[in-house]
Amino acid sequence: MILYTSGIPPKANYHTHTTWCDGKDSPEAVVEAAIGMGFAEIGFSSHAMLPGDPLDWPLTKAKLSPYIEDIGALKRKYAGKIRVLCAVEADYIPGVCFPDSSIYPKGNGIDYIIGSVHFVVAPDGEWVFVDKSPESLVEGINSHFGGSVEAYVKAYFAAQREMVRLYDFDVIGHPDLIRKFDGKLNYLDERAPWYVEELEKTADAFARSGKIVEINTGAISRGWMDDAYPSSAFRAMLRSRGIKMILSADAHSASTIACAFDRPW
């Protein structure tokens, strides 16, 4: 895995979704595109929510082994042309599923694990989907957080900190995903003291964990904002703590595996 600091980004992407979950293209189509773009490495990271299989569109218990076998076949087929890696983007939902090497063991076809928070558990136990749509987010905050953006945001970052403290995985996915719909909703004040405090506490937790943080350009390719996760202010906090980072596209199609990689992140 190529770590990113500054300057020209490496020819690699480690956050890639395909037809094994909610992506548009097959893994082989992505590999061919990556070779055409001169990539040194391409890492596949299908959504996974084991144990319990609460949803059927990510990798389930039944689909995990065939997925690993499929990516393994591509590793062998394209050896010498590109390094192909097999990973999962595993969700953290307290009491439901979590990203951990005990579930996705290394050396069993899995090269690394991305841990992500896509759902925030509200005080009433309901899941609020962070990045489904602006409308569903507004409904979730109003119905399950009493209309309090601050309560929702604090619960999100608390889940991030808990995830990195409790579980053994490699890469922290899109650490401020809650910004995705702010361009449409204008619901976040990122300069508010309580918000900055949440970022600082979360950056401290990331540093203690020793995990890698991704600079994720997925919101750019999908047209939600012209910036990456984490924000520039959050990136500065992470860099000041010596946290390692990689550049990832969160690609859902072969055409977006290098989205905004030419920018000086």
C-alpha atoms as a PDB file:
ATOM      1  CA  MET A   1       0.000   0.000   0.000  1.00  0.00           C
ATOM      2  CA  ILE A   2       1.490   3.317  -1.123  1.00  0.00           C
ATOM      3  CA  LEU A   3       1.278   6.037   1.541  1.00  0.00           C
ATOM      4  CA  TYR A   4       0.545   9.590   0.409  1.00  0.00           C
ATOM      5  CA  THR A   5       2.151  12.727   1.832  1.00  0.00           C
ATOM      6  CA  SER A   6       2.226  15.485  -0.773  1.00  0.00           C
ATOM      7  CA  GLY A   7       3.145  16.251  -4.359  1.00  0.00           C
ATOM      8  CA  ILE A   8       2.086  14.005  -7.223  1.00  0.00           C
ATOM      9  CA  PRO A   9      -0.267  11.273  -5.962  1.00  0.00           C
ATOM     10  CA  PRO A  10       0.759   7.660  -6.583  1.00  0.00           C
ATOM     11  CA  LYS A  11      -0.834   5.583  -9.301  1.00  0.00           C
ATOM     12  CA  ALA A  12      -2.960   3.520  -6.953  1.00  0.00           C
ATOM     13  CA  ASN A  13      -6.490   3.378  -5.599  1.00  0.00           C
ATOM     14  CA  TYR A  14      -7.526   1.310  -2.593  1.00  0.00           C
ATOM     15  CA  HIS A  15     -11.230   2.110  -2.241  1.00  0.00           C
ATOM     16  CA  THR A  16     -13.072   0.528  -5.167  1.00  0.00           C
ATOM     17  CA  HIS A  17     -16.615  -0.836  -5.453  1.00  0.00           C
ATOM     18  CA  THR A  18     -17.804  -3.158  -8.198  1.00  0.00           C
ATOM     19  CA  THR A  19     -20.778  -5.307  -9.120  1.00  0.00           C
ATOM     20  CA  TRP A  20     -20.038  -7.354  -6.001  1.00  0.00           C
ATOM     21  CA  CYS A  21     -21.844  -4.581  -4.073  1.00  0.00           C
ATOM     22  CA  ASP A  22     -23.110  -1.214  -5.314  1.00  0.00           C
ATOM     23  CA  GLY A  23     -20.550  -0.549  -8.046  1.00  0.00           C
ATOM     24  CA  LYS A  24     -21.318  -0.239 -11.753  1.00  0.00           C
ATOM     25  CA  ASP A  25     -18.505  -2.302 -13.326  1.00  0.00           C
ATOM     26  CA  SER A  26     -16.996  -5.748 -12.885  1.00  0.00           C
ATOM     27  CA  PRO A  27     -13.657  -6.134 -11.086  1.00  0.00           C
ATOM     28  CA  GLU A  28     -11.938  -7.130 -14.328  1.00  0.00           C
ATOM     29  CA  ALA A  29     -13.221  -4.023 -16.108  1.00  0.00           C
ATOM     30  CA  VAL A  30     -11.732  -1.951 -13.287  1.00  0.00           C
ATOM     31  CA  VAL A  31      -8.386  -3.758 -13.517  1.00  0.00           C
ATOM     32  CA  GLU A  32      -8.245  -3.130 -17.267  1.00  0.00           C
ATOM     33  CA  ALA A  33      -9.020   0.561 -16.713  1.00  0.00           C
ATOM     34  CA  ALA A  34      -6.351   0.808 -14.018  1.00  0.00           C
ATOM     35  CA  ILE A  35      -3.734  -0.729 -16.301  1.00  0.00           C
ATOM     36  CA  GLY A  36      -4.734   1.723 -19.023  1.00  0.00           C
ATOM     37  CA  MET A  37      -4.186   4.607 -16.601  1.00  0.00           C
ATOM     38  CA  GLY A  38      -0.751   3.339 -15.612  1.00  0.00           C
ATOM     39  CA  PHE A  39      -1.684   2.250 -12.087  1.00  0.00           C
ATOM     40  CA  ALA A  40       0.818   0.286 -10.020  1.00  0.00           C
ATOM     41  CA  GLU A  41      -1.848  -1.046  -7.652  1.00  0.00           C
ATOM     42  CA  ILE A  42      -5.629  -1.378  -7.506  1.00  0.00           C
ATOM     43  CA  GLY A  43      -7.430  -2.426  -4.343  1.00  0.00           C
ATOM     44  CA  PHE A  44     -11.007  -3.723  -4.281  1.00  0.00           C
ATOM     45  CA  SER A  45     -13.049  -2.954  -1.162  1.00  0.00           C
ATOM     46  CA  SER A  46     -16.595  -4.248  -1.443  1.00  0.00           C
ATOM     47  CA  HIS A  47     -19.056  -3.197   1.229  1.00  0.00           C
ATOM     48  CA  ALA A  48     -19.449  -5.773   3.997  1.00  0.00           C
ATOM     49  CA  MET A  49     -21.639  -5.870   7.085  1.00  0.00           C
ATOM     50  CA  LEU A  50     -20.866  -9.239   8.686  1.00  0.00           C
ATOM     51  CA  PRO A  51     -21.844 -10.646  11.147  1.00  0.00           C
ATOM     52  CA  GLY A  52     -25.603 -10.814  10.965  1.00  0.00           C
ATOM     53  CA  ASP A  53     -26.083  -9.755   7.329  1.00  0.00           C
ATOM     54  CA  PRO A  54     -28.454  -6.882   8.229  1.00  0.00           C
ATOM     55  CA  LEU A  55     -28.666  -5.860   4.544  1.00  0.00           C
ATOM     56  CA  ASP A  56     -28.369  -8.019   1.430  1.00  0.00           C
ATOM     57  CA  TRP A  57     -26.654  -5.632  -1.026  1.00  0.00           C
ATOM     58  CA  PRO A  58     -23.201  -5.670   0.632  1.00  0.00           C
ATOM     59  CA  LEU A  59     -21.143  -8.841   0.846  1.00  0.00           C
ATOM     60  CA  THR A  60     -22.975 -11.463   2.866  1.00  0.00           C
ATOM     61  CA  LYS A  61     -21.622 -14.661   4.388  1.00  0.00           C
ATOM     62  CA  ALA A  62     -22.626 -16.490   1.221  1.00  0.00           C
ATOM     63  CA  LYS A  63     -20.910 -13.993  -1.089  1.00  0.00           C
ATOM     64  CA  LEU A  64     -17.662 -13.381   0.818  1.00  0.00           C
ATOM     65  CA  SER A  65     -15.740 -16.473  -0.336  1.00  0.00           C
ATOM     66  CA  PRO A  66     -16.737 -16.155  -4.025  1.00  0.00           C
ATOM     67  CA  TYR A  67     -15.709 -12.488  -3.910  1.00  0.00           C
ATOM     68  CA  ILE A  68     -12.283 -13.370  -2.509  1.00  0.00           C
ATOM     69  CA  GLU A  69     -11.887 -16.081  -5.153  1.00  0.00           C
ATOM     70  CA  ASP A  70     -12.847 -13.686  -7.943  1.00  0.00           C
ATOM     71  CA  ILE A  71     -10.304 -11.062  -6.902  1.00  0.00           C
ATOM     72  CA  GLY A  72      -7.712 -13.782  -6.315  1.00  0.00           C
ATOM     73  CA  ALA A  73      -8.128 -14.961  -9.905  1.00  0.00           C
ATOM     74  CA  LEU A  74      -7.476 -11.406 -11.100  1.00  0.00           C
ATOM     75  CA  LYS A  75      -4.350 -11.209  -8.947  1.00  0.00           C
ATOM     76  CA  ARG A  76      -2.967 -14.235 -10.768  1.00  0.00           C
ATOM     77  CA  LYS A  77      -4.172 -13.259 -14.240  1.00  0.00           C
ATOM     78  CA  TYR A  78      -2.696  -9.754 -14.154  1.00  0.00           C
ATOM     79  CA  ALA A  79       0.467 -10.475 -12.166  1.00  0.00           C
ATOM     80  CA  GLY A  80       3.334  -8.564 -13.723  1.00  0.00           C
ATOM     81  CA  LYS A  81       1.023  -5.893 -15.107  1.00  0.00           C
ATOM     82  CA  ILE A  82      -0.534  -4.524 -11.914  1.00  0.00           C
ATOM     83  CA  ARG A  83      -0.735  -5.487  -8.265  1.00  0.00           C
ATOM     84  CA  VAL A  84      -4.333  -6.393  -7.393  1.00  0.00           C
ATOM     85  CA  LEU A  85      -5.419  -6.276  -3.749  1.00  0.00           C
ATOM     86  CA  CYS A  86      -8.526  -7.699  -2.099  1.00  0.00           C
ATOM     87  CA  ALA A  87     -10.168  -5.849   0.781  1.00  0.00           C
ATOM     88  CA  VAL A  88     -13.512  -5.095   2.366  1.00  0.00           C
ATOM     89  CA  GLU A  89     -15.076  -1.856   3.495  1.00  0.00           C
ATOM     90  CA  ALA A  90     -16.653  -3.086   6.694  1.00  0.00           C
ATOM     91  CA  ASP A  91     -19.283  -1.064   8.515  1.00  0.00           C
ATOM     92  CA  TYR A  92     -19.344  -0.267  12.180  1.00  0.00           C
ATOM     93  CA  ILE A  93     -22.825  -0.328  13.685  1.00  0.00           C
ATOM     94  CA  PRO A  94     -22.599  -0.874  17.452  1.00  0.00           C
ATOM     95  CA  GLY A  95     -24.031  -4.226  18.440  1.00  0.00           C
ATOM     96  CA  VAL A  96     -24.603  -5.239  14.809  1.00  0.00           C
ATOM     97  CA  CYS A  97     -21.386  -5.381  12.758  1.00  0.00           C
ATOM     98  CA  PHE A  98     -17.809  -4.190  12.968  1.00  0.00           C
ATOM     99  CA  PRO A  99     -14.528  -4.095  11.016  1.00  0.00           C
ATOM    100  CA  ASP A 100     -12.078  -6.549  12.521  1.00  0.00           C
ATOM    101  CA  SER A 101      -9.445  -9.029  11.407  1.00  0.00           C
ATOM    102  CA  SER A 102     -11.181 -11.719  13.470  1.00  0.00           C
ATOM    103  CA  ILE A 103     -13.970 -11.647  10.869  1.00  0.00           C
ATOM    104  CA  TYR A 104     -11.880 -10.874   7.788  1.00  0.00           C
ATOM    105  CA  PRO A 105      -8.594 -12.653   8.564  1.00  0.00           C
ATOM    106  CA  LYS A 106      -5.439 -11.566   6.759  1.00  0.00           C
ATOM    107  CA  GLY A 107      -3.753 -14.297   4.786  1.00  0.00           C
ATOM    108  CA  ASN A 108      -7.130 -15.771   3.900  1.00  0.00           C
ATOM    109  CA  GLY A 109      -7.418 -13.722   0.723  1.00  0.00           C
ATOM    110  CA  ILE A 110      -7.978 -10.376   2.494  1.00  0.00           C
ATOM    111  CA  ASP A 111      -5.122  -7.889   2.189  1.00  0.00           C
ATOM    112  CA  TYR A 112      -6.536  -5.022   4.250  1.00  0.00           C
ATOM    113  CA  ILE A 113      -9.736  -3.760   5.876  1.00  0.00           C
ATOM    114  CA  ILE A 114     -11.357  -0.332   5.591  1.00  0.00           C
ATOM    115  CA  GLY A 115     -13.503   0.563   8.591  1.00  0.00           C
ATOM    116  CA  SER A 116     -16.349   2.998   7.919  1.00  0.00           C
ATOM    117  CA  VAL A 117     -19.410   4.504   9.563  1.00  0.00           C
ATOM    118  CA  HIS A 118     -22.401   4.851   7.218  1.00  0.00           C
ATOM    119  CA  PHE A 119     -25.133   4.614   9.854  1.00  0.00           C
ATOM    120  CA  VAL A 120     -25.434   6.503  13.131  1.00  0.00           C
ATOM    121  CA  VAL A 121     -27.388   4.775  15.879  1.00  0.00           C
ATOM    122  CA  ALA A 122     -29.815   7.254  17.432  1.00  0.00           C
ATOM    123  CA  PRO A 123     -30.784   7.339  21.127  1.00  0.00           C
ATOM    124  CA  ASP A 124     -34.001   5.484  20.249  1.00  0.00           C
ATOM    125  CA  GLY A 125     -32.004   2.689  18.586  1.00  0.00           C
ATOM    126  CA  GLU A 126     -32.879   3.602  14.999  1.00  0.00           C
ATOM    127  CA  TRP A 127     -30.195   3.760  12.310  1.00  0.00           C
ATOM    128  CA  VAL A 128     -29.791   7.072  10.521  1.00  0.00           C
ATOM    129  CA  PHE A 129     -28.199   6.570   7.086  1.00  0.00           C
ATOM    130  CA  VAL A 130     -25.439   9.169   6.762  1.00  0.00           C
ATOM    131  CA  ASP A 131     -25.080   9.309   2.978  1.00  0.00           C
ATOM    132  CA  LYS A 132     -28.190   7.873   1.321  1.00  0.00           C
ATOM    133  CA  SER A 133     -29.810  11.192   0.346  1.00  0.00           C
ATOM    134  CA  PRO A 134     -30.239  14.720   1.739  1.00  0.00           C
ATOM    135  CA  GLU A 135     -33.940  14.030   2.311  1.00  0.00           C
ATOM    136  CA  SER A 136     -33.370  10.851   4.318  1.00  0.00           C
ATOM    137  CA  LEU A 137     -30.707  12.576   6.412  1.00  0.00           C
ATOM    138  CA  VAL A 138     -33.024  15.461   7.301  1.00  0.00           C
ATOM    139  CA  GLU A 139     -35.787  13.014   8.167  1.00  0.00           C
ATOM    140  CA  GLY A 140     -33.417  10.966  10.305  1.00  0.00           C
ATOM    141  CA  ILE A 141     -32.133  13.940  12.274  1.00  0.00           C
ATOM    142  CA  ASN A 142     -35.629  15.321  12.817  1.00  0.00           C
ATOM    143  CA  SER A 143     -37.220  11.993  13.741  1.00  0.00           C
ATOM    144  CA  HIS A 144     -34.446  10.386  15.783  1.00  0.00           C
ATOM    145  CA  PHE A 145     -32.215  13.185  17.091  1.00  0.00           C
ATOM    146  CA  GLY A 146     -34.949  15.673  17.973  1.00  0.00           C
ATOM    147  CA  GLY A 147     -33.861  17.907  15.119  1.00  0.00           C
ATOM    148  CA  SER A 148     -30.442  18.450  16.706  1.00  0.00           C
ATOM    149  CA  VAL A 149     -27.635  18.497  14.150  1.00  0.00           C
ATOM    150  CA  GLU A 150     -25.136  18.804  16.981  1.00  0.00           C
ATOM    151  CA  ALA A 151     -26.394  15.613  18.660  1.00  0.00           C
ATOM    152  CA  TYR A 152     -26.266  13.727  15.371  1.00  0.00           C
ATOM    153  CA  VAL A 153     -22.756  14.931  14.496  1.00  0.00           C
ATOM    154  CA  LYS A 154     -21.432  14.143  17.962  1.00  0.00           C
ATOM    155  CA  ALA A 155     -22.898  10.627  17.756  1.00  0.00           C
ATOM    156  CA  TYR A 156     -21.231  10.146  14.377  1.00  0.00           C
ATOM    157  CA  PHE A 157     -17.765  11.142  15.574  1.00  0.00           C
ATOM    158  CA  ALA A 158     -18.207   9.178  18.806  1.00  0.00           C
ATOM    159  CA  ALA A 159     -18.827   6.076  16.677  1.00  0.00           C
ATOM    160  CA  GLN A 160     -15.672   6.819  14.665  1.00  0.00           C
ATOM    161  CA  ARG A 161     -13.603   7.075  17.844  1.00  0.00           C
ATOM    162  CA  GLU A 162     -15.118   3.919  19.310  1.00  0.00           C
ATOM    163  CA  MET A 163     -14.514   2.000  16.079  1.00  0.00           C
ATOM    164  CA  VAL A 164     -10.792   2.833  15.941  1.00  0.00           C
ATOM    165  CA  ARG A 165     -10.359   2.086  19.637  1.00  0.00           C
ATOM    166  CA  LEU A 166     -12.066  -1.300  19.678  1.00  0.00           C
ATOM    167  CA  TYR A 167     -11.276  -3.001  16.383  1.00  0.00           C
ATOM    168  CA  ASP A 168      -8.322  -4.274  14.388  1.00  0.00           C
ATOM    169  CA  PHE A 169      -8.460  -2.894  10.849  1.00  0.00           C
ATOM    170  CA  ASP A 170      -6.166  -0.888   8.607  1.00  0.00           C
ATOM    171  CA  VAL A 171      -7.743   2.165   6.962  1.00  0.00           C
ATOM    172  CA  ILE A 172     -10.285   4.667   8.311  1.00  0.00           C
ATOM    173  CA  GLY A 173     -12.813   5.393   5.578  1.00  0.00           C
ATOM    174  CA  HIS A 174     -14.132   8.917   4.733  1.00  0.00           C
ATOM    175  CA  PRO A 175     -13.796  10.170   8.322  1.00  0.00           C
ATOM    176  CA  ASP A 176     -16.123  13.179   7.973  1.00  0.00           C
ATOM    177  CA  LEU A 177     -18.712  11.671   5.639  1.00  0.00           C
ATOM    178  CA  ILE A 178     -21.346  13.831   7.356  1.00  0.00           C
ATOM    179  CA  ARG A 179     -20.177  16.727   5.136  1.00  0.00           C
ATOM    180  CA  LYS A 180     -21.446  15.023   1.969  1.00  0.00           C
ATOM    181  CA  PHE A 181     -24.795  16.816   1.780  1.00  0.00           C
ATOM    182  CA  ASP A 182     -23.794  20.100   3.387  1.00  0.00           C
ATOM    183  CA  GLY A 183     -23.581  21.858   0.019  1.00  0.00           C
ATOM    184  CA  LYS A 184     -27.287  21.168  -0.476  1.00  0.00           C
ATOM    185  CA  LEU A 185     -28.499  21.379   3.120  1.00  0.00           C
ATOM    186  CA  ASN A 186     -26.095  23.989   4.540  1.00  0.00           C
ATOM    187  CA  TYR A 187     -26.617  22.395   7.934  1.00  0.00           C
ATOM    188  CA  LEU A 188     -23.043  22.339   9.279  1.00  0.00           C
ATOM    189  CA  ASP A 189     -20.993  25.159  10.769  1.00  0.00           C
ATOM    190  CA  GLU A 190     -17.513  23.663  10.616  1.00  0.00           C
ATOM    191  CA  ARG A 191     -16.087  26.650  12.501  1.00  0.00           C
ATOM    192  CA  ALA A 192     -18.360  26.165  15.518  1.00  0.00           C
ATOM    193  CA  PRO A 193     -16.266  25.487  18.644  1.00  0.00           C
ATOM    194  CA  TRP A 194     -18.122  22.255  19.411  1.00  0.00           C
ATOM    195  CA  TYR A 195     -17.490  20.966  15.859  1.00  0.00           C
ATOM    196  CA  VAL A 196     -13.779  21.822  15.965  1.00  0.00           C
ATOM    197  CA  GLU A 197     -13.569  20.089  19.343  1.00  0.00           C
ATOM    198  CA  GLU A 198     -15.086  16.937  17.820  1.00  0.00           C
ATOM    199  CA  LEU A 199     -12.475  16.979  15.065  1.00  0.00           C
ATOM    200  CA  GLU A 200      -9.643  17.458  17.543  1.00  0.00           C
ATOM    201  CA  LYS A 201     -10.841  14.591  19.757  1.00  0.00           C
ATOM    202  CA  THR A 202     -11.281  12.364  16.731  1.00  0.00           C
ATOM    203  CA  ALA A 203      -7.836  13.236  15.361  1.00  0.00           C
ATOM    204  CA  ASP A 204      -6.348  12.335  18.750  1.00  0.00           C
ATOM    205  CA  ALA A 205      -8.158   8.971  18.679  1.00  0.00           C
ATOM    206  CA  PHE A 206      -6.930   8.277  15.151  1.00  0.00           C
ATOM    207  CA  ALA A 207      -3.361   9.069  16.180  1.00  0.00           C
ATOM    208  CA  ARG A 208      -3.538   6.732  19.175  1.00  0.00           C
ATOM    209  CA  SER A 209      -4.858   3.935  16.968  1.00  0.00           C
ATOM    210  CA  GLY A 210      -1.938   4.014  14.525  1.00  0.00           C
ATOM    211  CA  LYS A 211      -4.357   3.436  11.647  1.00  0.00           C
ATOM    212  CA  ILE A 212      -4.139   4.961   8.176  1.00  0.00           C
ATOM    213  CA  VAL A 213      -6.675   7.624   7.156  1.00  0.00           C
ATOM    214  CA  GLU A 214      -7.823   7.885   3.565  1.00  0.00           C
ATOM    215  CA  ILE A 215      -8.137  11.112   1.610  1.00  0.00           C
ATOM    216  CA  ASN A 216     -11.355  10.176  -0.167  1.00  0.00           C
ATOM    217  CA  THR A 217     -12.453  11.938  -3.375  1.00  0.00           C
ATOM    218  CA  GLY A 218     -15.758  10.103  -3.788  1.00  0.00           C
ATOM    219  CA  ALA A 219     -17.984  13.138  -3.218  1.00  0.00           C
ATOM    220  CA  ILE A 220     -16.302  14.896  -6.141  1.00  0.00           C
ATOM    221  CA  SER A 221     -17.005  12.142  -8.665  1.00  0.00           C
ATOM    222  CA  ARG A 222     -20.633  11.988  -7.525  1.00  0.00           C
ATOM    223  CA  GLY A 223     -21.075  15.757  -7.699  1.00  0.00           C
ATOM    224  CA  TRP A 224     -21.918  16.441  -4.058  1.00  0.00           C
ATOM    225  CA  MET A 225     -18.992  18.711  -3.260  1.00  0.00           C
ATOM    226  CA  ASP A 226     -15.692  19.825  -4.733  1.00  0.00           C
ATOM    227  CA  ASP A 227     -13.578  18.617  -1.832  1.00  0.00           C
ATOM    228  CA  ALA A 228     -12.355  15.417  -0.239  1.00  0.00           C
ATOM    229  CA  TYR A 229     -13.009  13.718   3.062  1.00  0.00           C
ATOM    230  CA  PRO A 230     -11.450  14.739   5.399  1.00  0.00           C
ATOM    231  CA  SER A 231     -11.771  18.517   5.029  1.00  0.00           C
ATOM    232  CA  SER A 232      -8.679  20.688   4.683  1.00  0.00           C
ATOM    233  CA  ALA A 233      -8.931  21.718   8.348  1.00  0.00           C
ATOM    234  CA  PHE A 234      -9.285  18.090   9.443  1.00  0.00           C
ATOM    235  CA  ARG A 235      -6.409  17.026   7.172  1.00  0.00           C
ATOM    236  CA  ALA A 236      -4.205  19.661   8.814  1.00  0.00           C
ATOM    237  CA  MET A 237      -5.047  18.253  12.244  1.00  0.00           C
ATOM    238  CA  LEU A 238      -4.222  14.734  11.087  1.00  0.00           C
ATOM    239  CA  ARG A 239      -0.935  15.765   9.510  1.00  0.00           C
ATOM    240  CA  SER A 240       0.098  17.699  12.615  1.00  0.00           C
ATOM    241  CA  ARG A 241      -0.240  14.425  14.550  1.00  0.00           C
ATOM    242  CA  GLY A 242       1.879  12.474  12.068  1.00  0.00           C
ATOM    243  CA  ILE A 243      -1.021  10.306  10.908  1.00  0.00           C
ATOM    244  CA  LYS A 244      -0.358   8.325   7.731  1.00  0.00           C
ATOM    245  CA  MET A 245      -2.743   8.855   4.820  1.00  0.00           C
ATOM    246  CA  ILE A 246      -3.537   7.288   1.461  1.00  0.00           C
ATOM    247  CA  LEU A 247      -5.357   8.801  -1.501  1.00  0.00           C
ATOM    248  CA  SER A 248      -8.498   6.893  -2.520  1.00  0.00           C
ATOM    249  CA  ALA A 249     -11.291   7.530  -4.996  1.00  0.00           C
ATOM    250  CA  ASP A 250     -14.138   5.573  -3.371  1.00  0.00           C
ATOM    251  CA  ALA A 251     -14.830   4.634  -6.988  1.00  0.00           C
ATOM    252  CA  HIS A 252     -18.124   3.049  -7.994  1.00  0.00           C
ATOM    253  CA  SER A 253     -17.157   2.801 -11.660  1.00  0.00           C
ATOM    254  CA  ALA A 254     -14.021   2.100 -13.656  1.00  0.00           C
ATOM    255  CA  SER A 255     -13.999   5.655 -14.987  1.00  0.00           C
ATOM    256  CA  THR A 256     -13.627   7.265 -11.532  1.00  0.00           C
ATOM    257  CA  ILE A 257     -10.717   5.318 -10.017  1.00  0.00           C
ATOM    258  CA  ALA A 258      -8.438   8.366 -10.274  1.00  0.00           C
ATOM    259  CA  CYS A 259     -10.963  11.116  -9.589  1.00  0.00           C
ATOM    260  CA  ALA A 260      -9.199  14.368  -8.593  1.00  0.00           C
ATOM    261  CA  PHE A 261      -5.912  12.550  -8.051  1.00  0.00           C
ATOM    262  CA  ASP A 262      -4.135  15.381  -9.863  1.00  0.00           C
ATOM    263  CA  ARG A 263      -4.863  17.831  -7.037  1.00  0.00           C
ATOM    264  CA  PRO A 264      -2.280  18.661  -4.345  1.00  0.00           C
ATOM    265  CA  TRP A 265      -4.107  17.128  -1.427  1.00  0.00           C
END
